[in-house]
């Protein structure tokens, strides 16, 4: 994660921000649910996003960063999308959340089993200790769209709580120094 680039775009994220990659079951309409679960970066749930799906998510959750999944990155840019999930091009003024990011795959999107919160926290903490925690994203990998919404919500809740536990452990370690 290039924090300086995000800061220039006016996007402030905590250490080890949580985000779900890929689409979600049923397509658009997930922004409020993701905010309620506690994800740091929310999304519409559509894959790919259109100007309409992204703008609807932004309107529903105006105080959280909202990522868009690029079908057309220029279309998303025109409606104000600043975090674009893509392996491809994004216009100046947008942040590309792509495969070259330092991702901690703490929740496996293709696996229907709900992860244990403690295991998620340990996975995130180990990765954070090996790298620079402020440069890492704690993620649910693509594939969540394959599961029922209640399973997806449980998996994402485990991601959020695991990241919270990892942040607390890192803060304690820094305090103890």
N, C-alpha and C. Protein backbone atom coordinates (compact mmCIF):
# COMPACT_ATOMS: atom_id res chain seq x y z
N UNK A 1 0.85 -1.16 0.00
CA UNK A 1 0.00 0.00 0.00
C UNK A 1 0.90 1.23 0.00
N UNK A 2 0.59 2.13 -0.84
CA UNK A 2 1.35 3.36 -0.92
C UNK A 2 0.57 4.45 -0.19
N UNK A 3 0.83 4.56 1.13
CA UNK A 3 0.07 5.47 2.00
C UNK A 3 0.16 6.91 1.52
N UNK A 4 1.33 7.32 1.00
CA UNK A 4 1.46 8.70 0.54
C UNK A 4 0.53 8.97 -0.63
N UNK A 5 0.39 7.99 -1.52
CA UNK A 5 -0.52 8.14 -2.65
C UNK A 5 -1.98 8.22 -2.17
N UNK A 6 -2.35 7.37 -1.23
CA UNK A 6 -3.70 7.41 -0.68
C UNK A 6 -3.94 8.74 0.03
N UNK A 7 -2.98 9.21 0.79
CA UNK A 7 -3.14 10.48 1.51
C UNK A 7 -3.33 11.64 0.54
N UNK A 8 -2.60 11.63 -0.58
CA UNK A 8 -2.78 12.69 -1.59
C UNK A 8 -4.20 12.69 -2.14
N UNK A 9 -4.84 11.52 -2.15
CA UNK A 9 -6.21 11.40 -2.65
C UNK A 9 -7.23 11.69 -1.55
N UNK A 10 -6.75 12.00 -0.34
CA UNK A 10 -7.65 12.30 0.76
C UNK A 10 -8.23 11.06 1.42
N UNK A 11 -7.57 9.92 1.24
CA UNK A 11 -8.06 8.66 1.79
C UNK A 11 -7.19 8.29 2.99
N UNK A 12 -7.82 8.20 4.15
CA UNK A 12 -7.13 7.82 5.37
C UNK A 12 -7.59 6.43 5.78
N UNK A 13 -6.66 5.52 5.98
CA UNK A 13 -6.98 4.15 6.37
C UNK A 13 -6.17 3.77 7.60
N UNK A 14 -6.71 2.89 8.42
CA UNK A 14 -5.93 2.42 9.58
C UNK A 14 -4.83 1.48 9.12
N UNK A 15 -3.94 1.16 10.02
CA UNK A 15 -2.96 0.11 9.76
C UNK A 15 -3.72 -1.19 9.55
N UNK A 16 -3.29 -1.98 8.60
CA UNK A 16 -3.92 -3.26 8.26
C UNK A 16 -5.40 -3.08 7.87
N UNK A 17 -5.69 -2.22 6.90
CA UNK A 17 -7.08 -2.02 6.51
C UNK A 17 -7.69 -3.30 5.94
N UNK A 18 -8.98 -3.48 6.22
CA UNK A 18 -9.70 -4.67 5.77
C UNK A 18 -10.51 -4.35 4.52
N UNK A 19 -10.51 -5.31 3.59
CA UNK A 19 -11.26 -5.15 2.34
C UNK A 19 -11.56 -6.54 1.78
N UNK A 20 -12.72 -6.66 1.14
CA UNK A 20 -13.09 -7.89 0.44
C UNK A 20 -12.79 -7.69 -1.04
N UNK A 21 -12.02 -8.58 -1.62
CA UNK A 21 -11.70 -8.50 -3.04
C UNK A 21 -12.74 -9.27 -3.86
N UNK A 22 -12.99 -8.81 -5.05
CA UNK A 22 -13.94 -9.47 -5.93
C UNK A 22 -15.37 -9.09 -5.60
N UNK A 23 -16.29 -9.72 -6.33
CA UNK A 23 -17.71 -9.44 -6.16
C UNK A 23 -18.31 -10.21 -4.99
N UNK A 24 -19.54 -9.85 -4.66
CA UNK A 24 -20.26 -10.47 -3.55
C UNK A 24 -21.56 -11.06 -4.07
N UNK A 25 -22.16 -11.99 -3.32
CA UNK A 25 -23.36 -12.66 -3.82
C UNK A 25 -24.51 -11.68 -4.06
N UNK A 26 -25.17 -11.86 -5.18
CA UNK A 26 -26.31 -11.00 -5.50
C UNK A 26 -25.92 -9.69 -6.13
N UNK A 27 -24.64 -9.43 -6.30
CA UNK A 27 -24.21 -8.19 -6.95
C UNK A 27 -24.28 -6.99 -6.02
N UNK A 28 -24.72 -5.86 -6.57
CA UNK A 28 -24.71 -4.58 -5.86
C UNK A 28 -25.63 -4.60 -4.64
N UNK A 29 -25.44 -3.60 -3.78
CA UNK A 29 -26.29 -3.45 -2.61
C UNK A 29 -25.63 -3.83 -1.30
N UNK A 30 -24.33 -4.00 -1.30
CA UNK A 30 -23.60 -4.47 -0.12
C UNK A 30 -22.98 -3.37 0.73
N UNK A 31 -22.92 -2.15 0.28
CA UNK A 31 -22.14 -1.12 0.98
C UNK A 31 -22.53 -0.97 2.45
N UNK A 32 -23.83 -0.87 2.74
CA UNK A 32 -24.27 -0.68 4.13
C UNK A 32 -23.95 -1.92 4.96
N UNK A 33 -24.11 -3.11 4.39
CA UNK A 33 -23.79 -4.34 5.11
C UNK A 33 -22.31 -4.38 5.47
N UNK A 34 -21.45 -4.02 4.51
CA UNK A 34 -20.01 -4.04 4.76
C UNK A 34 -19.62 -3.01 5.81
N UNK A 35 -20.27 -1.86 5.78
CA UNK A 35 -20.01 -0.85 6.82
C UNK A 35 -20.44 -1.39 8.18
N UNK A 36 -21.60 -2.01 8.25
CA UNK A 36 -22.10 -2.55 9.52
C UNK A 36 -21.16 -3.63 10.06
N UNK A 37 -20.64 -4.47 9.18
CA UNK A 37 -19.69 -5.52 9.59
C UNK A 37 -18.39 -4.89 10.09
N UNK A 38 -18.03 -3.73 9.54
CA UNK A 38 -16.84 -3.02 10.02
C UNK A 38 -15.68 -2.98 9.05
N UNK A 39 -15.89 -3.35 7.79
CA UNK A 39 -14.78 -3.27 6.83
C UNK A 39 -14.31 -1.83 6.70
N UNK A 40 -13.01 -1.65 6.56
CA UNK A 40 -12.44 -0.32 6.44
C UNK A 40 -12.69 0.28 5.05
N UNK A 41 -12.71 -0.57 4.03
CA UNK A 41 -13.01 -0.15 2.67
C UNK A 41 -14.21 -0.98 2.23
N UNK A 42 -15.30 -0.30 1.87
CA UNK A 42 -16.51 -1.00 1.47
C UNK A 42 -16.62 -1.02 -0.05
N UNK A 43 -17.65 -1.69 -0.55
CA UNK A 43 -17.85 -1.83 -1.99
C UNK A 43 -19.33 -2.02 -2.27
N UNK A 44 -19.68 -1.90 -3.53
CA UNK A 44 -21.07 -2.13 -3.91
C UNK A 44 -21.43 -3.61 -3.88
N UNK A 45 -20.45 -4.46 -4.16
CA UNK A 45 -20.67 -5.91 -4.27
C UNK A 45 -20.72 -6.36 -5.71
N UNK A 46 -20.92 -5.43 -6.65
CA UNK A 46 -21.00 -5.78 -8.07
C UNK A 46 -19.62 -6.09 -8.62
N UNK A 47 -19.59 -6.96 -9.61
CA UNK A 47 -18.33 -7.25 -10.32
C UNK A 47 -18.63 -7.44 -11.79
N UNK A 48 -18.22 -6.51 -12.63
CA UNK A 48 -17.55 -5.25 -12.31
C UNK A 48 -18.56 -4.19 -11.89
N UNK A 49 -18.02 -3.09 -11.36
CA UNK A 49 -18.86 -1.95 -11.02
C UNK A 49 -19.14 -1.12 -12.26
N UNK A 50 -20.27 -0.48 -12.25
CA UNK A 50 -20.60 0.55 -13.23
C UNK A 50 -20.62 1.88 -12.47
N UNK A 51 -20.75 2.95 -13.21
CA UNK A 51 -20.87 4.26 -12.56
C UNK A 51 -22.05 4.24 -11.59
N UNK A 52 -23.13 3.58 -11.98
CA UNK A 52 -24.34 3.56 -11.16
C UNK A 52 -24.15 2.74 -9.88
N UNK A 53 -23.53 1.54 -9.98
CA UNK A 53 -23.37 0.71 -8.78
C UNK A 53 -22.41 1.37 -7.80
N UNK A 54 -21.33 1.98 -8.31
CA UNK A 54 -20.38 2.62 -7.42
C UNK A 54 -21.01 3.85 -6.77
N UNK A 55 -21.70 4.67 -7.56
CA UNK A 55 -22.31 5.89 -7.02
C UNK A 55 -23.38 5.55 -5.97
N UNK A 56 -24.12 4.48 -6.18
CA UNK A 56 -25.12 4.07 -5.19
C UNK A 56 -24.45 3.66 -3.88
N UNK A 57 -23.35 2.93 -3.97
CA UNK A 57 -22.61 2.53 -2.77
C UNK A 57 -22.07 3.77 -2.05
N UNK A 58 -21.53 4.71 -2.79
CA UNK A 58 -20.99 5.94 -2.20
C UNK A 58 -22.11 6.72 -1.50
N UNK A 59 -23.29 6.78 -2.11
CA UNK A 59 -24.41 7.51 -1.51
C UNK A 59 -24.88 6.82 -0.22
N UNK A 60 -24.84 5.50 -0.20
CA UNK A 60 -25.27 4.75 0.98
C UNK A 60 -24.29 4.88 2.14
N UNK A 61 -23.01 4.97 1.82
CA UNK A 61 -21.95 4.99 2.84
C UNK A 61 -20.99 6.14 2.50
N UNK A 62 -21.40 7.37 2.77
CA UNK A 62 -20.59 8.51 2.34
C UNK A 62 -19.33 8.76 3.16
N UNK A 63 -19.19 8.11 4.31
CA UNK A 63 -18.05 8.41 5.18
C UNK A 63 -17.01 7.29 5.24
N UNK A 64 -17.08 6.35 4.32
CA UNK A 64 -16.07 5.28 4.23
C UNK A 64 -15.49 5.29 2.83
N UNK A 65 -14.23 4.89 2.70
CA UNK A 65 -13.70 4.70 1.35
C UNK A 65 -14.49 3.58 0.66
N UNK A 66 -14.86 3.81 -0.59
CA UNK A 66 -15.60 2.82 -1.39
C UNK A 66 -14.74 2.46 -2.59
N UNK A 67 -14.39 1.18 -2.70
CA UNK A 67 -13.62 0.75 -3.86
C UNK A 67 -14.57 0.32 -4.96
N UNK A 68 -14.10 0.44 -6.17
CA UNK A 68 -14.85 -0.05 -7.32
C UNK A 68 -14.04 -1.14 -8.00
N UNK A 69 -14.73 -2.10 -8.58
CA UNK A 69 -14.05 -3.13 -9.38
C UNK A 69 -14.15 -2.69 -10.82
N UNK A 70 -12.99 -2.51 -11.44
CA UNK A 70 -12.95 -1.93 -12.78
C UNK A 70 -13.49 -2.87 -13.83
N UNK A 71 -14.45 -2.37 -14.54
CA UNK A 71 -14.80 -2.86 -15.86
C UNK A 71 -14.26 -1.78 -16.77
N UNK A 72 -14.65 -0.54 -16.46
CA UNK A 72 -14.18 0.64 -17.15
C UNK A 72 -13.69 1.64 -16.10
N UNK A 73 -12.38 1.68 -15.91
CA UNK A 73 -11.79 2.53 -14.87
C UNK A 73 -12.06 4.01 -15.13
N UNK A 74 -12.13 4.41 -16.40
CA UNK A 74 -12.41 5.81 -16.70
C UNK A 74 -13.84 6.18 -16.29
N UNK A 75 -14.79 5.28 -16.53
CA UNK A 75 -16.17 5.52 -16.11
C UNK A 75 -16.25 5.68 -14.59
N UNK A 76 -15.55 4.82 -13.86
CA UNK A 76 -15.54 4.92 -12.40
C UNK A 76 -14.88 6.22 -11.95
N UNK A 77 -13.82 6.62 -12.62
CA UNK A 77 -13.14 7.86 -12.27
C UNK A 77 -14.07 9.06 -12.43
N UNK A 78 -14.86 9.06 -13.46
CA UNK A 78 -15.76 10.19 -13.73
C UNK A 78 -16.81 10.39 -12.63
N UNK A 79 -17.16 9.32 -11.91
CA UNK A 79 -18.14 9.47 -10.82
C UNK A 79 -17.46 9.61 -9.46
N UNK A 80 -16.12 9.66 -9.43
CA UNK A 80 -15.41 9.94 -8.19
C UNK A 80 -14.77 8.76 -7.50
N UNK A 81 -14.75 7.60 -8.12
CA UNK A 81 -14.12 6.43 -7.51
C UNK A 81 -12.61 6.65 -7.43
N UNK A 82 -12.07 6.53 -6.22
CA UNK A 82 -10.64 6.77 -6.02
C UNK A 82 -9.84 5.51 -5.70
N UNK A 83 -10.50 4.41 -5.35
CA UNK A 83 -9.81 3.13 -5.14
C UNK A 83 -10.43 2.15 -6.12
N UNK A 84 -9.61 1.67 -7.06
CA UNK A 84 -10.10 0.80 -8.12
C UNK A 84 -9.38 -0.53 -8.05
N UNK A 85 -10.15 -1.60 -7.87
CA UNK A 85 -9.58 -2.95 -7.86
C UNK A 85 -9.44 -3.42 -9.30
N UNK A 86 -8.20 -3.55 -9.74
CA UNK A 86 -7.92 -3.96 -11.12
C UNK A 86 -6.45 -4.33 -11.26
N UNK A 87 -6.17 -5.14 -12.25
CA UNK A 87 -4.79 -5.41 -12.62
C UNK A 87 -4.36 -4.44 -13.71
N UNK A 88 -5.31 -3.70 -14.25
CA UNK A 88 -5.04 -2.81 -15.37
C UNK A 88 -4.83 -1.36 -14.98
N UNK A 89 -5.02 -0.53 -15.97
CA UNK A 89 -4.80 0.91 -15.88
C UNK A 89 -5.86 1.58 -15.00
N UNK A 90 -5.43 2.60 -14.25
CA UNK A 90 -6.36 3.53 -13.60
C UNK A 90 -5.88 4.94 -13.93
N UNK A 91 -6.82 5.87 -14.07
CA UNK A 91 -6.43 7.25 -14.38
C UNK A 91 -5.70 7.92 -13.22
N UNK A 92 -4.97 8.99 -13.54
CA UNK A 92 -4.36 9.80 -12.49
C UNK A 92 -5.45 10.24 -11.54
N UNK A 93 -5.15 10.22 -10.25
CA UNK A 93 -6.14 10.61 -9.25
C UNK A 93 -6.91 9.43 -8.70
N UNK A 94 -6.56 8.23 -9.15
CA UNK A 94 -7.18 7.01 -8.61
C UNK A 94 -6.06 6.11 -8.10
N UNK A 95 -6.39 5.29 -7.13
CA UNK A 95 -5.45 4.33 -6.55
C UNK A 95 -5.78 2.95 -7.08
N UNK A 96 -4.79 2.26 -7.62
CA UNK A 96 -5.00 0.92 -8.15
C UNK A 96 -4.73 -0.11 -7.06
N UNK A 97 -5.79 -0.80 -6.66
CA UNK A 97 -5.67 -1.92 -5.72
C UNK A 97 -5.52 -3.15 -6.59
N UNK A 98 -4.27 -3.53 -6.83
CA UNK A 98 -3.99 -4.59 -7.80
C UNK A 98 -3.18 -5.73 -7.23
N UNK A 99 -2.78 -6.64 -8.10
CA UNK A 99 -2.07 -7.84 -7.66
C UNK A 99 -0.67 -7.57 -7.11
N UNK A 100 -0.14 -6.38 -7.35
CA UNK A 100 1.19 -6.05 -6.84
C UNK A 100 1.16 -5.50 -5.42
N UNK A 101 -0.03 -5.37 -4.84
CA UNK A 101 -0.16 -4.90 -3.47
C UNK A 101 0.33 -5.96 -2.48
N UNK A 102 0.69 -5.53 -1.30
CA UNK A 102 1.08 -6.44 -0.23
C UNK A 102 -0.21 -6.85 0.50
N UNK A 103 -0.74 -8.00 0.11
CA UNK A 103 -2.02 -8.47 0.64
C UNK A 103 -1.80 -9.61 1.62
N UNK A 104 -2.56 -9.59 2.69
CA UNK A 104 -2.58 -10.71 3.63
C UNK A 104 -3.90 -11.44 3.39
N UNK A 105 -3.86 -12.59 2.72
CA UNK A 105 -5.09 -13.33 2.45
C UNK A 105 -5.56 -14.07 3.70
N UNK A 106 -6.22 -13.34 4.59
CA UNK A 106 -6.60 -13.88 5.89
C UNK A 106 -7.92 -14.66 5.85
N UNK A 107 -8.74 -14.41 4.83
CA UNK A 107 -10.00 -15.11 4.63
C UNK A 107 -10.02 -15.59 3.19
N UNK A 108 -10.27 -16.89 2.99
CA UNK A 108 -10.25 -17.47 1.65
C UNK A 108 -11.65 -17.43 1.06
N UNK A 109 -11.82 -16.61 0.04
CA UNK A 109 -13.13 -16.40 -0.56
C UNK A 109 -13.75 -17.63 -1.18
N UNK A 110 -12.94 -18.52 -1.71
CA UNK A 110 -13.49 -19.70 -2.39
C UNK A 110 -13.86 -20.83 -1.43
N UNK A 111 -13.41 -20.77 -0.19
CA UNK A 111 -13.70 -21.81 0.79
C UNK A 111 -15.00 -21.48 1.52
N UNK A 112 -15.97 -22.39 1.55
CA UNK A 112 -17.24 -22.09 2.21
C UNK A 112 -17.16 -22.08 3.74
N UNK A 113 -16.08 -22.60 4.30
CA UNK A 113 -15.96 -22.63 5.76
C UNK A 113 -15.67 -21.23 6.30
N UNK A 114 -16.28 -20.90 7.42
CA UNK A 114 -16.03 -19.61 8.08
C UNK A 114 -14.78 -19.77 8.93
N UNK A 115 -13.84 -18.87 8.71
CA UNK A 115 -12.57 -18.92 9.42
C UNK A 115 -12.75 -18.63 10.90
N UNK A 116 -11.85 -19.23 11.70
CA UNK A 116 -11.80 -18.95 13.12
C UNK A 116 -11.16 -17.58 13.31
N UNK A 117 -11.79 -16.74 14.11
CA UNK A 117 -11.31 -15.37 14.32
C UNK A 117 -9.87 -15.36 14.83
N UNK A 118 -9.55 -16.24 15.76
CA UNK A 118 -8.19 -16.27 16.30
C UNK A 118 -7.17 -16.65 15.23
N UNK A 119 -7.53 -17.59 14.35
CA UNK A 119 -6.63 -17.96 13.27
C UNK A 119 -6.41 -16.80 12.31
N UNK A 120 -7.48 -16.06 12.03
CA UNK A 120 -7.37 -14.88 11.16
C UNK A 120 -6.43 -13.86 11.81
N UNK A 121 -6.61 -13.60 13.10
CA UNK A 121 -5.77 -12.65 13.80
C UNK A 121 -4.30 -13.05 13.79
N UNK A 122 -4.03 -14.33 14.00
CA UNK A 122 -2.65 -14.83 13.99
C UNK A 122 -2.04 -14.70 12.60
N UNK A 123 -2.81 -15.02 11.56
CA UNK A 123 -2.33 -14.89 10.19
C UNK A 123 -1.94 -13.45 9.89
N UNK A 124 -2.79 -12.51 10.27
CA UNK A 124 -2.53 -11.09 10.02
C UNK A 124 -1.33 -10.63 10.85
N UNK A 125 -1.27 -11.02 12.11
CA UNK A 125 -0.18 -10.60 12.98
C UNK A 125 1.17 -11.12 12.49
N UNK A 126 1.22 -12.37 12.09
CA UNK A 126 2.49 -12.93 11.58
C UNK A 126 2.97 -12.16 10.35
N UNK A 127 2.05 -11.90 9.42
CA UNK A 127 2.43 -11.16 8.21
C UNK A 127 2.86 -9.74 8.55
N UNK A 128 2.18 -9.11 9.49
CA UNK A 128 2.52 -7.74 9.88
C UNK A 128 3.90 -7.68 10.52
N UNK A 129 4.25 -8.69 11.27
CA UNK A 129 5.57 -8.73 11.91
C UNK A 129 6.68 -8.94 10.90
N UNK A 130 6.39 -9.61 9.80
CA UNK A 130 7.40 -9.88 8.77
C UNK A 130 7.60 -8.71 7.82
N UNK A 131 6.61 -7.84 7.71
CA UNK A 131 6.68 -6.72 6.78
C UNK A 131 6.47 -5.42 7.51
N UNK A 132 6.04 -4.45 6.78
CA UNK A 132 5.70 -3.15 7.34
C UNK A 132 4.18 -3.11 7.44
N UNK A 133 3.68 -3.16 8.65
CA UNK A 133 2.23 -3.29 8.86
C UNK A 133 1.44 -2.20 8.15
N UNK A 134 1.96 -0.99 8.09
CA UNK A 134 1.24 0.11 7.47
C UNK A 134 1.18 -0.02 5.95
N UNK A 135 1.91 -0.98 5.39
CA UNK A 135 1.91 -1.17 3.93
C UNK A 135 1.08 -2.38 3.51
N UNK A 136 0.39 -3.01 4.45
CA UNK A 136 -0.32 -4.25 4.17
C UNK A 136 -1.83 -4.06 4.20
N UNK A 137 -2.52 -4.85 3.39
CA UNK A 137 -3.98 -4.93 3.39
C UNK A 137 -4.38 -6.29 3.93
N UNK A 138 -5.32 -6.36 4.86
CA UNK A 138 -5.89 -7.62 5.34
C UNK A 138 -7.12 -7.88 4.48
N UNK A 139 -7.12 -8.98 3.73
CA UNK A 139 -8.16 -9.17 2.72
C UNK A 139 -8.87 -10.51 2.82
N UNK A 140 -10.10 -10.47 2.31
CA UNK A 140 -10.82 -11.68 1.95
C UNK A 140 -10.57 -11.81 0.45
N UNK A 141 -10.08 -12.96 0.02
CA UNK A 141 -9.74 -13.14 -1.38
C UNK A 141 -11.00 -13.28 -2.24
N UNK A 142 -10.87 -13.10 -3.55
CA UNK A 142 -12.04 -13.25 -4.42
C UNK A 142 -12.67 -14.64 -4.29
N UNK A 143 -13.95 -14.69 -4.59
CA UNK A 143 -14.69 -15.95 -4.54
C UNK A 143 -15.86 -15.91 -3.59
N UNK A 144 -16.00 -14.84 -2.84
CA UNK A 144 -17.10 -14.75 -1.88
C UNK A 144 -18.47 -14.82 -2.55
N UNK A 145 -18.53 -14.41 -3.82
CA UNK A 145 -19.81 -14.44 -4.54
C UNK A 145 -20.37 -15.85 -4.69
N UNK A 146 -19.56 -16.86 -4.42
CA UNK A 146 -19.98 -18.27 -4.55
C UNK A 146 -20.82 -18.75 -3.37
N UNK A 147 -20.89 -17.96 -2.30
CA UNK A 147 -21.51 -18.42 -1.05
C UNK A 147 -22.77 -17.62 -0.71
N UNK A 148 -23.62 -18.18 0.15
CA UNK A 148 -24.80 -17.44 0.59
C UNK A 148 -24.38 -16.19 1.38
N UNK A 149 -25.20 -15.16 1.35
CA UNK A 149 -24.86 -13.91 2.05
C UNK A 149 -24.53 -14.09 3.53
N UNK A 150 -25.23 -14.98 4.24
CA UNK A 150 -24.94 -15.14 5.67
C UNK A 150 -23.55 -15.71 5.90
N UNK A 151 -23.09 -16.58 5.03
CA UNK A 151 -21.73 -17.12 5.13
C UNK A 151 -20.71 -16.02 4.84
N UNK A 152 -20.98 -15.22 3.82
CA UNK A 152 -20.08 -14.12 3.47
C UNK A 152 -19.98 -13.13 4.63
N UNK A 153 -21.10 -12.79 5.23
CA UNK A 153 -21.07 -11.87 6.36
C UNK A 153 -20.27 -12.43 7.52
N UNK A 154 -20.41 -13.72 7.79
CA UNK A 154 -19.65 -14.35 8.88
C UNK A 154 -18.15 -14.36 8.57
N UNK A 155 -17.79 -14.65 7.32
CA UNK A 155 -16.38 -14.66 6.94
C UNK A 155 -15.78 -13.25 7.07
N UNK A 156 -16.53 -12.25 6.65
CA UNK A 156 -16.02 -10.87 6.73
C UNK A 156 -15.97 -10.38 8.16
N UNK A 157 -16.91 -10.80 8.99
CA UNK A 157 -16.85 -10.45 10.41
C UNK A 157 -15.60 -11.04 11.05
N UNK A 158 -15.22 -12.26 10.65
CA UNK A 158 -13.99 -12.87 11.15
C UNK A 158 -12.77 -12.07 10.70
N UNK A 159 -12.79 -11.57 9.47
CA UNK A 159 -11.68 -10.75 8.98
C UNK A 159 -11.55 -9.47 9.80
N UNK A 160 -12.67 -8.80 10.02
CA UNK A 160 -12.65 -7.53 10.76
C UNK A 160 -12.17 -7.75 12.20
N UNK A 161 -12.70 -8.75 12.88
CA UNK A 161 -12.30 -9.01 14.26
C UNK A 161 -10.85 -9.49 14.34
N UNK A 162 -10.43 -10.32 13.41
CA UNK A 162 -9.04 -10.78 13.39
C UNK A 162 -8.08 -9.62 13.19
N UNK A 163 -8.43 -8.69 12.30
CA UNK A 163 -7.59 -7.50 12.08
C UNK A 163 -7.55 -6.63 13.33
N UNK A 164 -8.69 -6.50 14.00
CA UNK A 164 -8.74 -5.72 15.24
C UNK A 164 -7.81 -6.32 16.29
N UNK A 165 -7.86 -7.64 16.44
CA UNK A 165 -6.98 -8.31 17.40
C UNK A 165 -5.51 -8.12 17.03
N UNK A 166 -5.19 -8.22 15.76
CA UNK A 166 -3.81 -8.04 15.32
C UNK A 166 -3.34 -6.61 15.59
N UNK A 167 -4.19 -5.63 15.33
CA UNK A 167 -3.84 -4.24 15.61
C UNK A 167 -3.56 -4.03 17.09
N UNK A 168 -4.40 -4.62 17.94
CA UNK A 168 -4.20 -4.48 19.39
C UNK A 168 -2.89 -5.12 19.83
N UNK A 169 -2.59 -6.29 19.28
CA UNK A 169 -1.32 -6.96 19.63
C UNK A 169 -0.13 -6.13 19.19
N UNK A 170 -0.20 -5.57 17.99
CA UNK A 170 0.91 -4.72 17.52
C UNK A 170 1.05 -3.47 18.38
N UNK A 171 -0.06 -2.87 18.75
CA UNK A 171 -0.02 -1.69 19.60
C UNK A 171 0.60 -2.02 20.97
N UNK A 172 0.24 -3.15 21.53
CA UNK A 172 0.80 -3.57 22.82
C UNK A 172 2.32 -3.77 22.69
N UNK A 173 2.73 -4.43 21.61
CA UNK A 173 4.16 -4.65 21.41
C UNK A 173 4.91 -3.32 21.33
N UNK A 174 4.34 -2.36 20.61
CA UNK A 174 5.00 -1.04 20.49
C UNK A 174 5.00 -0.32 21.84
N UNK A 175 3.92 -0.42 22.57
CA UNK A 175 3.84 0.22 23.88
C UNK A 175 4.87 -0.37 24.83
N UNK A 176 5.02 -1.70 24.79
CA UNK A 176 5.94 -2.36 25.70
C UNK A 176 7.40 -2.03 25.40
N UNK A 177 7.69 -1.56 24.21
CA UNK A 177 9.08 -1.17 23.89
C UNK A 177 9.42 0.09 24.64
